[in-house]
Amino acid sequence: ILHALGHAAEKNWPLDIRLAALFHDIGKPKTRRWDG
C-alpha cells in the first residue's frame, strides 16, 4: 500500500485518490486465509 500511495504521489493525484491507494488493501490482514 505504501508503493501504491507512492505512485499516486508520482502522478500528483489528489487527496481522494491517494487515500484510496493507501487504504485499498487495508482489509487484507483480517481476511487472510491459507489455502493448501
PDB file of all heavy atoms in Angstrom:
ATOM      1  N   ILE A   1       0.829  -1.211   0.000  1.00  0.00           N
ATOM      2  CA  ILE A   1       0.000   0.000   0.000  1.00  0.00           C
ATOM      3  C   ILE A   1       0.863   1.260   0.000  1.00  0.00           C
ATOM      4  O   ILE A   1       0.461   2.290  -0.532  1.00  0.00           O
ATOM      5  CB  ILE A   1      -1.016   0.018   1.162  1.00  0.00           C
ATOM      6  CG1 ILE A   1      -0.323  -0.015   2.520  1.00  0.00           C
ATOM      7  CG2 ILE A   1      -2.002  -1.132   1.029  1.00  0.00           C
ATOM      8  CD1 ILE A   1      -1.290   0.065   3.707  1.00  0.00           C
ATOM      9  N   LEU A   2       2.069   1.175   0.573  1.00  0.00           N
ATOM     10  CA  LEU A   2       2.977   2.324   0.505  1.00  0.00           C
ATOM     11  C   LEU A   2       3.404   2.590  -0.932  1.00  0.00           C
ATOM     12  O   LEU A   2       3.458   3.743  -1.383  1.00  0.00           O
ATOM     13  CB  LEU A   2       4.209   2.104   1.379  1.00  0.00           C
ATOM     14  CG  LEU A   2       4.044   2.241   2.894  1.00  0.00           C
ATOM     15  CD1 LEU A   2       5.411   2.273   3.563  1.00  0.00           C
ATOM     16  CD2 LEU A   2       3.268   3.496   3.267  1.00  0.00           C
ATOM     17  N   HIS A   3       3.732   1.526  -1.663  1.00  0.00           N
ATOM     18  CA  HIS A   3       4.115   1.697  -3.066  1.00  0.00           C
ATOM     19  C   HIS A   3       2.938   2.210  -3.891  1.00  0.00           C
ATOM     20  O   HIS A   3       3.127   3.012  -4.824  1.00  0.00           O
ATOM     21  CB  HIS A   3       4.644   0.376  -3.633  1.00  0.00           C
ATOM     22  CG  HIS A   3       6.054   0.074  -3.237  1.00  0.00           C
ATOM     23  ND1 HIS A   3       7.144   0.635  -3.876  1.00  0.00           N
ATOM     24  CD2 HIS A   3       6.567  -0.711  -2.247  1.00  0.00           C
ATOM     25  CE1 HIS A   3       8.259   0.197  -3.311  1.00  0.00           C
ATOM     26  NE2 HIS A   3       7.941  -0.613  -2.323  1.00  0.00           N
ATOM     27  N   ALA A   4       1.724   1.755  -3.581  1.00  0.00           N
ATOM     28  CA  ALA A   4       0.536   2.255  -4.285  1.00  0.00           C
ATOM     29  C   ALA A   4       0.362   3.750  -4.035  1.00  0.00           C
ATOM     30  O   ALA A   4       0.101   4.526  -4.963  1.00  0.00           O
ATOM     31  CB  ALA A   4      -0.703   1.487  -3.824  1.00  0.00           C
ATOM     32  N   LEU A   5       0.532   4.161  -2.781  1.00  0.00           N
ATOM     33  CA  LEU A   5       0.453   5.584  -2.437  1.00  0.00           C
ATOM     34  C   LEU A   5       1.555   6.368  -3.136  1.00  0.00           C
ATOM     35  O   LEU A   5       1.332   7.477  -3.637  1.00  0.00           O
ATOM     36  CB  LEU A   5       0.558   5.757  -0.919  1.00  0.00           C
ATOM     37  CG  LEU A   5       0.693   7.189  -0.390  1.00  0.00           C
ATOM     38  CD1 LEU A   5      -0.515   8.035  -0.782  1.00  0.00           C
ATOM     39  CD2 LEU A   5       0.871   7.187   1.122  1.00  0.00           C
ATOM     40  N   GLY A   6       2.748   5.791  -3.170  1.00  0.00           N
ATOM     41  CA  GLY A   6       3.869   6.463  -3.828  1.00  0.00           C
ATOM     42  C   GLY A   6       3.584   6.730  -5.294  1.00  0.00           C
ATOM     43  O   GLY A   6       3.944   7.800  -5.822  1.00  0.00           O
ATOM     44  N   HIS A   7       2.915   5.793  -5.962  1.00  0.00           N
ATOM     45  CA  HIS A   7       2.593   6.003  -7.377  1.00  0.00           C
ATOM     46  C   HIS A   7       1.582   7.138  -7.533  1.00  0.00           C
ATOM     47  O   HIS A   7       1.693   7.965  -8.449  1.00  0.00           O
ATOM     48  CB  HIS A   7       2.025   4.721  -7.980  1.00  0.00           C
ATOM     49  CG  HIS A   7       1.683   4.858  -9.435  1.00  0.00           C
ATOM     50  ND1 HIS A   7       2.644   5.001 -10.416  1.00  0.00           N
ATOM     51  CD2 HIS A   7       0.478   4.911 -10.079  1.00  0.00           C
ATOM     52  CE1 HIS A   7       2.057   5.121 -11.599  1.00  0.00           C
ATOM     53  NE2 HIS A   7       0.746   5.073 -11.420  1.00  0.00           N
ATOM     54  N   ALA A   8       0.602   7.188  -6.636  1.00  0.00           N
ATOM     55  CA  ALA A   8      -0.377   8.284  -6.690  1.00  0.00           C
ATOM     56  C   ALA A   8       0.312   9.630  -6.521  1.00  0.00           C
ATOM     57  O   ALA A   8      -0.069  10.626  -7.153  1.00  0.00           O
ATOM     58  CB  ALA A   8      -1.443   8.092  -5.608  1.00  0.00           C
ATOM     59  N   ALA A   9       1.351   9.670  -5.667  1.00  0.00           N
ATOM     60  CA  ALA A   9       2.099  10.915  -5.471  1.00  0.00           C
ATOM     61  C   ALA A   9       2.913  11.261  -6.715  1.00  0.00           C
ATOM     62  O   ALA A   9       2.990  12.430  -7.118  1.00  0.00           O
ATOM     63  CB  ALA A   9       3.013  10.782  -4.256  1.00  0.00           C
ATOM     64  N   GLU A  10       3.523  10.257  -7.328  1.00  0.00           N
ATOM     65  CA  GLU A  10       4.291  10.497  -8.551  1.00  0.00           C
ATOM     66  C   GLU A  10       3.417  11.077  -9.652  1.00  0.00           C
ATOM     67  O   GLU A  10       3.856  11.906 -10.449  1.00  0.00           O
ATOM     68  CB  GLU A  10       4.926   9.188  -9.036  1.00  0.00           C
ATOM     69  CG  GLU A  10       6.092   8.712  -8.186  1.00  0.00           C
ATOM     70  CD  GLU A  10       6.613   7.371  -8.648  1.00  0.00           C
ATOM     71  OE1 GLU A  10       6.190   6.902  -9.736  1.00  0.00           O
ATOM     72  OE2 GLU A  10       7.452   6.774  -7.940  1.00  0.00           O
ATOM     73  N   LYS A  11       2.165  10.644  -9.680  1.00  0.00           N
ATOM     74  CA  LYS A  11       1.217  11.153 -10.672  1.00  0.00           C
ATOM     75  C   LYS A  11       0.607  12.493 -10.248  1.00  0.00           C
ATOM     76  O   LYS A  11      -0.165  13.090 -11.000  1.00  0.00           O
ATOM     77  CB  LYS A  11       0.084  10.132 -10.871  1.00  0.00           C
ATOM     78  CG  LYS A  11       0.523   8.862 -11.581  1.00  0.00           C
ATOM     79  CD  LYS A  11       0.706   9.120 -13.069  1.00  0.00           C
ATOM     80  CE  LYS A  11       0.895   7.824 -13.825  1.00  0.00           C
ATOM     81  NZ  LYS A  11       0.943   8.039 -15.291  1.00  0.00           N
ATOM     82  N   ASN A  12       0.926  12.916  -9.033  1.00  0.00           N
ATOM     83  CA  ASN A  12       0.382  14.161  -8.480  1.00  0.00           C
ATOM     84  C   ASN A  12      -1.142  14.140  -8.426  1.00  0.00           C
ATOM     85  O   ASN A  12      -1.812  15.142  -8.673  1.00  0.00           O
ATOM     86  CB  ASN A  12       0.862  15.377  -9.289  1.00  0.00           C
ATOM     87  CG  ASN A  12       0.714  16.680  -8.508  1.00  0.00           C
ATOM     88  OD1 ASN A  12       0.783  16.687  -7.278  1.00  0.00           O
ATOM     89  ND2 ASN A  12       0.509  17.770  -9.204  1.00  0.00           N
ATOM     90  N   TRP A  13      -1.675  12.963  -8.095  1.00  0.00           N
ATOM     91  CA  TRP A  13      -3.121  12.824  -7.980  1.00  0.00           C
ATOM     92  C   TRP A  13      -3.614  13.400  -6.658  1.00  0.00           C
ATOM     93  O   TRP A  13      -2.855  13.509  -5.683  1.00  0.00           O
ATOM     94  CB  TRP A  13      -3.508  11.355  -8.127  1.00  0.00           C
ATOM     95  CG  TRP A  13      -3.468  10.915  -9.568  1.00  0.00           C
ATOM     96  CD1 TRP A  13      -3.630  11.715 -10.660  1.00  0.00           C
ATOM     97  CD2 TRP A  13      -3.254   9.591 -10.069  1.00  0.00           C
ATOM     98  NE1 TRP A  13      -3.541  10.970 -11.821  1.00  0.00           N
ATOM     99  CE2 TRP A  13      -3.313   9.664 -11.499  1.00  0.00           C
ATOM    100  CE3 TRP A  13      -3.032   8.354  -9.471  1.00  0.00           C
ATOM    101  CZ2 TRP A  13      -3.145   8.553 -12.309  1.00  0.00           C
ATOM    102  CZ3 TRP A  13      -2.874   7.236 -10.288  1.00  0.00           C
ATOM    103  CH2 TRP A  13      -2.925   7.337 -11.689  1.00  0.00           C
ATOM    104  N   PRO A  14      -4.892  13.771  -6.570  1.00  0.00           N
ATOM    105  CA  PRO A  14      -5.418  14.482  -5.391  1.00  0.00           C
ATOM    106  C   PRO A  14      -5.599  13.568  -4.181  1.00  0.00           C
ATOM    107  O   PRO A  14      -5.372  12.357  -4.231  1.00  0.00           O
ATOM    108  CB  PRO A  14      -6.759  15.028  -5.883  1.00  0.00           C
ATOM    109  CG  PRO A  14      -7.170  14.089  -6.968  1.00  0.00           C
ATOM    110  CD  PRO A  14      -5.895  13.663  -7.643  1.00  0.00           C
ATOM    111  N   LEU A  15      -6.058  14.182  -3.096  1.00  0.00           N
ATOM    112  CA  LEU A  15      -6.147  13.504  -1.800  1.00  0.00           C
ATOM    113  C   LEU A  15      -7.025  12.269  -1.849  1.00  0.00           C
ATOM    114  O   LEU A  15      -6.675  11.234  -1.267  1.00  0.00           O
ATOM    115  CB  LEU A  15      -6.663  14.482  -0.740  1.00  0.00           C
ATOM    116  CG  LEU A  15      -6.828  13.928   0.680  1.00  0.00           C
ATOM    117  CD1 LEU A  15      -5.480  13.484   1.246  1.00  0.00           C
ATOM    118  CD2 LEU A  15      -7.468  14.980   1.596  1.00  0.00           C
ATOM    119  N   ASP A  16      -8.180  12.327  -2.525  1.00  0.00           N
ATOM    120  CA  ASP A  16      -9.076  11.176  -2.513  1.00  0.00           C
ATOM    121  C   ASP A  16      -8.426   9.945  -3.147  1.00  0.00           C
ATOM    122  O   ASP A  16      -8.544   8.830  -2.622  1.00  0.00           O
ATOM    123  CB  ASP A  16     -10.415  11.507  -3.192  1.00  0.00           C
ATOM    124  CG  ASP A  16     -10.255  12.130  -4.568  1.00  0.00           C
ATOM    125  OD1 ASP A  16      -9.118  12.227  -5.068  1.00  0.00           O
ATOM    126  OD2 ASP A  16     -11.278  12.537  -5.158  1.00  0.00           O
ATOM    127  N   ILE A  17      -7.691  10.137  -4.232  1.00  0.00           N
ATOM    128  CA  ILE A  17      -7.003   9.014  -4.879  1.00  0.00           C
ATOM    129  C   ILE A  17      -5.887   8.491  -3.988  1.00  0.00           C
ATOM    130  O   ILE A  17      -5.688   7.279  -3.847  1.00  0.00           O
ATOM    131  CB  ILE A  17      -6.439   9.432  -6.244  1.00  0.00           C
ATOM    132  CG1 ILE A  17      -7.523  10.027  -7.134  1.00  0.00           C
ATOM    133  CG2 ILE A  17      -5.771   8.228  -6.934  1.00  0.00           C
ATOM    134  CD1 ILE A  17      -8.643   9.087  -7.452  1.00  0.00           C
ATOM    135  N   ARG A  18      -5.155   9.384  -3.368  1.00  0.00           N
ATOM    136  CA  ARG A  18      -4.037   8.968  -2.512  1.00  0.00           C
ATOM    137  C   ARG A  18      -4.538   8.180  -1.296  1.00  0.00           C
ATOM    138  O   ARG A  18      -3.947   7.163  -0.920  1.00  0.00           O
ATOM    139  CB  ARG A  18      -3.226  10.187  -2.057  1.00  0.00           C
ATOM    140  CG  ARG A  18      -2.560  10.925  -3.205  1.00  0.00           C
ATOM    141  CD  ARG A  18      -1.526  11.914  -2.699  1.00  0.00           C
ATOM    142  NE  ARG A  18      -1.097  12.838  -3.744  1.00  0.00           N
ATOM    143  CZ  ARG A  18       0.043  13.495  -3.735  1.00  0.00           C
ATOM    144  NH1 ARG A  18       0.884  13.354  -2.725  1.00  0.00           N
ATOM    145  NH2 ARG A  18       0.369  14.318  -4.718  1.00  0.00           N
ATOM    146  N   LEU A  19      -5.620   8.656  -0.691  1.00  0.00           N
ATOM    147  CA  LEU A  19      -6.169   7.932   0.455  1.00  0.00           C
ATOM    148  C   LEU A  19      -6.703   6.563   0.035  1.00  0.00           C
ATOM    149  O   LEU A  19      -6.500   5.563   0.733  1.00  0.00           O
ATOM    150  CB  LEU A  19      -7.282   8.750   1.115  1.00  0.00           C
ATOM    151  CG  LEU A  19      -6.843   9.993   1.887  1.00  0.00           C
ATOM    152  CD1 LEU A  19      -8.057  10.771   2.382  1.00  0.00           C
ATOM    153  CD2 LEU A  19      -5.936   9.633   3.061  1.00  0.00           C
ATOM    154  N   ALA A  20      -7.372   6.498  -1.110  1.00  0.00           N
ATOM    155  CA  ALA A  20      -7.882   5.215  -1.593  1.00  0.00           C
ATOM    156  C   ALA A  20      -6.736   4.262  -1.895  1.00  0.00           C
ATOM    157  O   ALA A  20      -6.822   3.058  -1.614  1.00  0.00           O
ATOM    158  CB  ALA A  20      -8.747   5.426  -2.836  1.00  0.00           C
ATOM    159  N   ALA A  21      -5.644   4.783  -2.447  1.00  0.00           N
ATOM    160  CA  ALA A  21      -4.469   3.947  -2.722  1.00  0.00           C
ATOM    161  C   ALA A  21      -3.877   3.416  -1.416  1.00  0.00           C
ATOM    162  O   ALA A  21      -3.513   2.236  -1.314  1.00  0.00           O
ATOM    163  CB  ALA A  21      -3.427   4.746  -3.502  1.00  0.00           C
ATOM    164  N   LEU A  22      -3.794   4.272  -0.409  1.00  0.00           N
ATOM    165  CA  LEU A  22      -3.237   3.866   0.881  1.00  0.00           C
ATOM    166  C   LEU A  22      -4.124   2.856   1.586  1.00  0.00           C
ATOM    167  O   LEU A  22      -3.637   1.930   2.251  1.00  0.00           O
ATOM    168  CB  LEU A  22      -3.038   5.101   1.768  1.00  0.00           C
ATOM    169  CG  LEU A  22      -2.492   4.862   3.178  1.00  0.00           C
ATOM    170  CD1 LEU A  22      -1.080   4.271   3.130  1.00  0.00           C
ATOM    171  CD2 LEU A  22      -2.498   6.152   3.989  1.00  0.00           C
ATOM    172  N   PHE A  23      -5.437   3.007   1.434  1.00  0.00           N
ATOM    173  CA  PHE A  23      -6.382   2.169   2.188  1.00  0.00           C
ATOM    174  C   PHE A  23      -6.937   0.984   1.408  1.00  0.00           C
ATOM    175  O   PHE A  23      -7.674   0.176   1.973  1.00  0.00           O
ATOM    176  CB  PHE A  23      -7.574   3.033   2.641  1.00  0.00           C
ATOM    177  CG  PHE A  23      -7.227   4.096   3.655  1.00  0.00           C
ATOM    178  CD1 PHE A  23      -7.935   5.290   3.692  1.00  0.00           C
ATOM    179  CD2 PHE A  23      -6.205   3.910   4.566  1.00  0.00           C
ATOM    180  CE1 PHE A  23      -7.637   6.269   4.632  1.00  0.00           C
ATOM    181  CE2 PHE A  23      -5.887   4.887   5.504  1.00  0.00           C
ATOM    182  CZ  PHE A  23      -6.606   6.060   5.535  1.00  0.00           C
ATOM    183  N   HIS A  24      -6.620   0.857   0.122  1.00  0.00           N
ATOM    184  CA  HIS A  24      -7.372  -0.084  -0.712  1.00  0.00           C
ATOM    185  C   HIS A  24      -7.275  -1.527  -0.231  1.00  0.00           C
ATOM    186  O   HIS A  24      -8.211  -2.300  -0.381  1.00  0.00           O
ATOM    187  CB  HIS A  24      -6.940   0.031  -2.183  1.00  0.00           C
ATOM    188  CG  HIS A  24      -5.632  -0.609  -2.510  1.00  0.00           C
ATOM    189  ND1 HIS A  24      -4.427  -0.001  -2.254  1.00  0.00           N
ATOM    190  CD2 HIS A  24      -5.344  -1.811  -3.073  1.00  0.00           C
ATOM    191  CE1 HIS A  24      -3.441  -0.797  -2.654  1.00  0.00           C
ATOM    192  NE2 HIS A  24      -3.965  -1.910  -3.157  1.00  0.00           N
ATOM    193  N   ASP A  25      -6.141  -1.921   0.360  1.00  0.00           N
ATOM    194  CA  ASP A  25      -5.987  -3.303   0.834  1.00  0.00           C
ATOM    195  C   ASP A  25      -5.946  -3.401   2.361  1.00  0.00           C
ATOM    196  O   ASP A  25      -5.442  -4.382   2.915  1.00  0.00           O
ATOM    197  CB  ASP A  25      -4.709  -3.920   0.255  1.00  0.00           C
ATOM    198  CG  ASP A  25      -4.916  -4.484  -1.143  1.00  0.00           C
ATOM    199  OD1 ASP A  25      -6.068  -4.524  -1.593  1.00  0.00           O
ATOM    200  OD2 ASP A  25      -3.927  -4.866  -1.792  1.00  0.00           O
ATOM    201  N   ILE A  26      -6.505  -2.409   3.029  1.00  0.00           N
ATOM    202  CA  ILE A  26      -6.416  -2.369   4.482  1.00  0.00           C
ATOM    203  C   ILE A  26      -7.187  -3.513   5.127  1.00  0.00           C
ATOM    204  O   ILE A  26      -6.938  -3.898   6.276  1.00  0.00           O
ATOM    205  CB  ILE A  26      -6.907  -1.000   5.009  1.00  0.00           C
ATOM    206  CG1 ILE A  26      -6.326  -0.716   6.400  1.00  0.00           C
ATOM    207  CG2 ILE A  26      -8.428  -0.912   4.996  1.00  0.00           C
ATOM    208  CD1 ILE A  26      -6.453   0.728   6.820  1.00  0.00           C
ATOM    209  N   GLY A  27      -8.129  -4.117   4.376  1.00  0.00           N
ATOM    210  CA  GLY A  27      -8.899  -5.235   4.908  1.00  0.00           C
ATOM    211  C   GLY A  27      -8.240  -6.594   4.722  1.00  0.00           C
ATOM    212  O   GLY A  27      -8.768  -7.609   5.202  1.00  0.00           O
ATOM    213  N   LYS A  28      -7.086  -6.636   4.055  1.00  0.00           N
ATOM    214  CA  LYS A  28      -6.459  -7.927   3.764  1.00  0.00           C
ATOM    215  C   LYS A  28      -6.025  -8.704   5.015  1.00  0.00           C
ATOM    216  O   LYS A  28      -6.269  -9.920   5.095  1.00  0.00           O
ATOM    217  CB  LYS A  28      -5.278  -7.742   2.813  1.00  0.00           C
ATOM    218  CG  LYS A  28      -5.691  -7.731   1.356  1.00  0.00           C
ATOM    219  CD  LYS A  28      -4.493  -7.798   0.432  1.00  0.00           C
ATOM    220  CE  LYS A  28      -4.934  -8.065  -1.010  1.00  0.00           C
ATOM    221  NZ  LYS A  28      -3.797  -8.154  -1.929  1.00  0.00           N
ATOM    222  N   PRO A  29      -5.358  -8.080   5.988  1.00  0.00           N
ATOM    223  CA  PRO A  29      -4.941  -8.865   7.157  1.00  0.00           C
ATOM    224  C   PRO A  29      -6.105  -9.563   7.864  1.00  0.00           C
ATOM    225  O   PRO A  29      -5.949 -10.679   8.370  1.00  0.00           O
ATOM    226  CB  PRO A  29      -4.275  -7.820   8.063  1.00  0.00           C
ATOM    227  CG  PRO A  29      -3.773  -6.772   7.121  1.00  0.00           C
ATOM    228  CD  PRO A  29      -4.817  -6.703   6.059  1.00  0.00           C
ATOM    229  N   LYS A  30      -7.265  -8.924   7.896  1.00  0.00           N
ATOM    230  CA  LYS A  30      -8.419  -9.521   8.592  1.00  0.00           C
ATOM    231  C   LYS A  30      -9.064 -10.639   7.780  1.00  0.00           C
ATOM    232  O   LYS A  30      -9.826 -11.451   8.330  1.00  0.00           O
ATOM    233  CB  LYS A  30      -9.461  -8.438   8.901  1.00  0.00           C
ATOM    234  CG  LYS A  30      -9.002  -7.430   9.941  1.00  0.00           C
ATOM    235  CD  LYS A  30     -10.130  -6.499  10.340  1.00  0.00           C
ATOM    236  CE  LYS A  30      -9.677  -5.445  11.340  1.00  0.00           C
ATOM    237  NZ  LYS A  30      -9.116  -6.024  12.580  1.00  0.00           N
ATOM    238  N   THR A  31      -8.790 -10.700   6.492  1.00  0.00           N
ATOM    239  CA  THR A  31      -9.447 -11.708   5.648  1.00  0.00           C
ATOM    240  C   THR A  31      -8.465 -12.767   5.142  1.00  0.00           C
ATOM    241  O   THR A  31      -8.870 -13.652   4.385  1.00  0.00           O
ATOM    242  CB  THR A  31     -10.112 -11.031   4.434  1.00  0.00           C
ATOM    243  OG1 THR A  31      -9.117 -10.306   3.690  1.00  0.00           O
ATOM    244  CG2 THR A  31     -11.207 -10.071   4.882  1.00  0.00           C
ATOM    245  N   ARG A  32      -7.202 -12.684   5.542  1.00  0.00           N
ATOM    246  CA  ARG A  32      -6.210 -13.624   5.015  1.00  0.00           C
ATOM    247  C   ARG A  32      -6.474 -15.039   5.521  1.00  0.00           C
ATOM    248  O   ARG A  32      -6.659 -15.263   6.712  1.00  0.00           O
ATOM    249  CB  ARG A  32      -4.788 -13.192   5.398  1.00  0.00           C
ATOM    250  CG  ARG A  32      -3.716 -14.023   4.696  1.00  0.00           C
ATOM    251  CD  ARG A  32      -2.328 -13.523   5.006  1.00  0.00           C
ATOM    252  NE  ARG A  32      -1.906 -13.858   6.354  1.00  0.00           N
ATOM    253  CZ  ARG A  32      -0.624 -13.965   6.738  1.00  0.00           C
ATOM    254  NH1 ARG A  32       0.347 -13.755   5.867  1.00  0.00           N
ATOM    255  NH2 ARG A  32      -0.332 -14.261   7.981  1.00  0.00           N
ATOM    256  N   ARG A  33      -6.499 -15.982   4.593  1.00  0.00           N
ATOM    257  CA  ARG A  33      -6.660 -17.400   4.914  1.00  0.00           C
ATOM    258  C   ARG A  33      -5.649 -18.200   4.096  1.00  0.00           C
ATOM    259  O   ARG A  33      -5.280 -17.808   2.989  1.00  0.00           O
ATOM    260  CB  ARG A  33      -8.074 -17.885   4.575  1.00  0.00           C
ATOM    261  CG  ARG A  33      -9.198 -17.157   5.297  1.00  0.00           C
ATOM    262  CD  ARG A  33      -9.217 -17.452   6.787  1.00  0.00           C
ATOM    263  NE  ARG A  33     -10.346 -16.798   7.438  1.00  0.00           N
ATOM    264  CZ  ARG A  33     -10.310 -15.567   7.941  1.00  0.00           C
ATOM    265  NH1 ARG A  33      -9.193 -14.844   7.850  1.00  0.00           N
ATOM    266  NH2 ARG A  33     -11.378 -15.045   8.512  1.00  0.00           N
ATOM    267  N   TRP A  34      -5.227 -19.327   4.648  1.00  0.00           N
ATOM    268  CA  TRP A  34      -4.277 -20.182   3.940  1.00  0.00           C
ATOM    269  C   TRP A  34      -5.039 -21.263   3.192  1.00  0.00           C
ATOM    270  O   TRP A  34      -5.847 -21.997   3.767  1.00  0.00           O
ATOM    271  CB  TRP A  34      -3.286 -20.813   4.902  1.00  0.00           C
ATOM    272  CG  TRP A  34      -2.298 -21.726   4.212  1.00  0.00           C
ATOM    273  CD1 TRP A  34      -2.264 -23.087   4.231  1.00  0.00           C
ATOM    274  CD2 TRP A  34      -1.197 -21.314   3.395  1.00  0.00           C
ATOM    275  NE1 TRP A  34      -1.229 -23.559   3.478  1.00  0.00           N
ATOM    276  CE2 TRP A  34      -0.548 -22.491   2.947  1.00  0.00           C
ATOM    277  CE3 TRP A  34      -0.707 -20.073   2.983  1.00  0.00           C
ATOM    278  CZ2 TRP A  34       0.567 -22.471   2.119  1.00  0.00           C
ATOM    279  CZ3 TRP A  34       0.406 -20.040   2.159  1.00  0.00           C
ATOM    280  CH2 TRP A  34       1.032 -21.214   1.744  1.00  0.00           C
ATOM    281  N   ASP A  35      -4.817 -21.344   1.909  1.00  0.00           N
ATOM    282  CA  ASP A  35      -5.459 -22.355   1.073  1.00  0.00           C
ATOM    283  C   ASP A  35      -4.393 -23.372   0.660  1.00  0.00           C
ATOM    284  O   ASP A  35      -3.530 -23.078  -0.158  1.00  0.00           O
ATOM    285  CB  ASP A  35      -6.073 -21.685  -0.164  1.00  0.00           C
ATOM    286  CG  ASP A  35      -6.777 -22.681  -1.078  1.00  0.00           C
ATOM    287  OD1 ASP A  35      -6.761 -23.881  -0.752  1.00  0.00           O
ATOM    288  OD2 ASP A  35      -7.326 -22.250  -2.101  1.00  0.00           O
ATOM    289  N   GLY A  36      -4.464 -24.554   1.222  1.00  0.00           N
ATOM    290  CA  GLY A  36      -3.449 -25.572   0.961  1.00  0.00           C
ATOM    291  C   GLY A  36      -3.825 -26.532  -0.129  1.00  0.00           C
ATOM    292  O   GLY A  36      -3.198 -27.592  -0.276  1.00  0.00           O
TER     293      GLY A  36
END
